[in-house]
Protein backbone atom coordinates (compact mmCIF):
# COMPACT_ATOMS: atom_id res chain seq x y z
CA MET A 1 0.00 0.00 0.00
CA TYR A 2 1.22 3.49 -0.88
CA ASN A 3 0.85 6.75 0.93
CA ILE A 4 -0.21 9.43 -1.55
CA ALA A 5 1.65 12.75 -1.58
CA GLY A 6 2.00 16.01 -3.46
CA PHE A 7 5.45 17.60 -3.69
CA THR A 8 6.05 21.36 -3.58
CA PHE A 9 9.34 22.12 -5.32
CA SER A 10 10.25 25.80 -5.19
CA PHE A 11 12.88 25.86 -7.90
CA PRO A 12 12.59 26.47 -11.66
CA MET A 13 11.57 23.26 -13.39
CA GLU A 14 10.39 22.05 -16.75
CA GLN A 15 7.23 20.11 -16.09
CA LYS A 16 6.14 17.59 -18.72
CA SER A 17 3.49 15.82 -16.66
CA LEU A 18 1.67 16.21 -13.38
CA ASP A 19 4.12 13.93 -11.58
CA SER A 20 7.51 14.85 -13.06
CA GLY A 21 9.55 18.05 -12.98
CA TYR A 22 13.08 18.53 -14.30
CA LEU A 23 15.23 21.03 -12.42
CA VAL A 24 16.35 23.92 -14.66
CA THR A 25 18.78 25.54 -12.21
CA TRP A 26 19.36 25.95 -8.50
CA THR A 27 18.38 29.41 -7.23
CA LYS A 28 18.09 31.21 -3.89
CA SER A 29 21.85 30.93 -3.27
CA PHE A 30 21.71 27.13 -3.06
CA ARG A 31 25.10 25.65 -3.90
CA VAL A 32 24.19 22.05 -4.71
CA THR A 33 26.05 19.71 -7.02
CA GLY A 34 23.85 17.61 -9.26
CA GLY A 35 20.15 17.65 -9.83
CA VAL A 36 20.04 20.02 -12.80
CA GLY A 37 18.28 18.33 -15.72
CA GLU A 38 17.04 15.55 -13.43
CA ASP A 39 13.48 14.68 -12.43
CA ALA A 40 13.02 15.98 -8.87
CA VAL A 41 10.13 13.54 -8.25
CA GLN A 42 12.25 10.54 -9.22
CA ASN A 43 15.12 11.83 -7.08
CA LEU A 44 12.77 12.14 -4.09
CA LYS A 45 11.35 8.64 -4.68
CA ASP A 46 14.88 7.22 -4.89
CA ALA A 47 15.89 8.95 -1.65
CA ILE A 48 12.78 7.66 0.14
CA GLN A 49 13.48 4.14 -1.12
CA ARG A 50 17.12 4.30 0.07
CA ARG A 51 15.94 5.39 3.49
CA GLY A 52 13.34 2.63 3.62
CA GLY A 53 10.49 2.14 6.01
CA PHE A 54 7.60 3.43 3.90
CA SER A 55 6.26 3.68 0.38
CA VAL A 56 4.94 6.83 -1.21
CA ASN A 57 3.18 7.55 -4.49
CA ILE A 58 3.95 11.15 -5.46
CA VAL A 59 1.00 12.12 -7.63
CA ALA A 60 1.89 15.76 -8.30
CA ILE A 61 4.80 18.19 -8.25
CA LEU A 62 4.16 21.89 -8.28
CA ASN A 63 5.65 25.27 -7.55
CA ASP A 64 4.71 26.90 -4.24
CA THR A 65 2.83 29.70 -6.01
CA THR A 66 0.83 27.15 -8.01
CA GLY A 67 -0.09 25.42 -4.75
CA THR A 68 -1.17 28.77 -3.34
CA LEU A 69 -3.27 29.45 -6.46
CA MET A 70 -4.89 26.01 -6.25
CA ALA A 71 -5.68 26.39 -2.54
CA GLY A 72 -7.15 29.84 -3.18
CA SER A 73 -9.24 28.64 -6.11
CA TYR A 74 -10.48 25.69 -4.06
CA LEU A 75 -11.82 28.16 -1.48
CA ASP A 76 -13.03 30.72 -4.05
CA HIS A 77 -13.45 29.74 -7.71
CA GLN A 78 -12.89 33.38 -8.72
CA CYS A 79 -9.26 33.25 -7.49
CA GLN A 80 -6.89 33.73 -10.45
CA ILE A 81 -3.54 34.54 -8.76
CA GLY A 82 -1.29 32.82 -6.20
CA MET A 83 1.61 34.83 -4.75
CA ILE A 84 4.62 34.15 -2.53
CA LEU A 85 6.77 36.95 -1.13
CA GLY A 86 10.03 35.59 0.28
CA THR A 87 13.53 35.38 -1.18
CA GLY A 88 11.98 36.80 -4.32
CA SER A 89 8.60 37.81 -5.63
CA ASN A 90 6.77 34.89 -7.23
CA ALA A 91 3.29 34.51 -8.66
CA SER A 92 1.12 32.06 -10.58
CA TYR A 93 -1.85 33.14 -12.62
CA VAL A 94 -4.37 31.72 -15.06
CA GLU A 95 -3.78 32.76 -18.68
CA ASN A 96 -5.61 32.06 -21.94
CA LEU A 97 -3.42 29.94 -24.21
CA GLU A 98 -4.08 32.16 -27.22
CA ASN A 99 -2.14 34.88 -25.37
CA ILE A 100 0.99 32.70 -25.06
CA ASP A 101 3.05 33.12 -28.24
CA LYS A 102 5.42 30.24 -27.39
CA TRP A 103 2.57 27.69 -27.07
CA THR A 104 2.81 25.36 -30.08
CA ASP A 105 0.88 22.30 -28.87
CA PRO A 106 -2.81 21.76 -29.64
CA ILE A 107 -5.15 23.68 -27.37
CA ASP A 108 -7.25 21.06 -25.55
CA ASP A 109 -8.02 23.35 -22.61
CA PRO A 110 -8.09 27.09 -23.32
CA LYS A 111 -6.39 28.06 -20.04
CA GLN A 112 -2.94 27.52 -18.58
CA VAL A 113 -1.36 28.20 -15.21
CA CYS A 114 1.74 30.37 -15.69
CA THR A 115 4.36 31.10 -13.07
CA LEU A 116 6.67 34.07 -12.81
CA SER A 117 9.59 33.69 -10.46
CA SER A 118 12.24 36.15 -9.42
CA ALA A 119 14.34 34.17 -6.96
CA LEU A 120 16.67 36.72 -5.44
CA TYR A 121 14.98 39.05 -7.95
CA GLU A 122 16.46 37.33 -11.02
CA PRO A 123 13.44 36.93 -13.34
CA ILE A 124 12.55 33.52 -14.74
CA VAL A 125 9.26 32.71 -16.48
CA HIS A 126 7.94 29.16 -16.76
CA ILE A 127 4.73 27.66 -18.04
CA LEU A 128 3.53 24.85 -15.80
CA LEU A 129 0.26 22.96 -15.76
CA PRO A 130 -3.00 23.13 -17.67
CA SER A 131 -5.61 24.71 -15.47
CA MET A 132 -8.21 22.45 -13.97
CA SER A 133 -11.87 23.33 -14.27
CA PRO A 134 -13.85 23.20 -11.01
């Protein structure tokens, strides 16, 4: 039997599915060797397995601002922005795909959650997950 978990990963990542995220770069003055270009979910699963003692099924990885947006929209379906003020100024918001010039895939769902991160105020923009209708 697995325990089910979500994983908040507050670093720039390229997300290709709900349960995988590839680290783009370490930010926030972290000086870590390795991890860049690797799937953070798989790395966490491997570390848990090495430690032993329990099993976990990580069903989602997301940025902290995306988690804030999702929690806000769960409480109020009108919520369109999640924001974190800490080592930088970060936000997630819901955007129409037709407004995203870089989007080249078919548009199955007209909305997308976008994140804007400025860890230590160095701007990075990433597109994350399709929005989920209530």
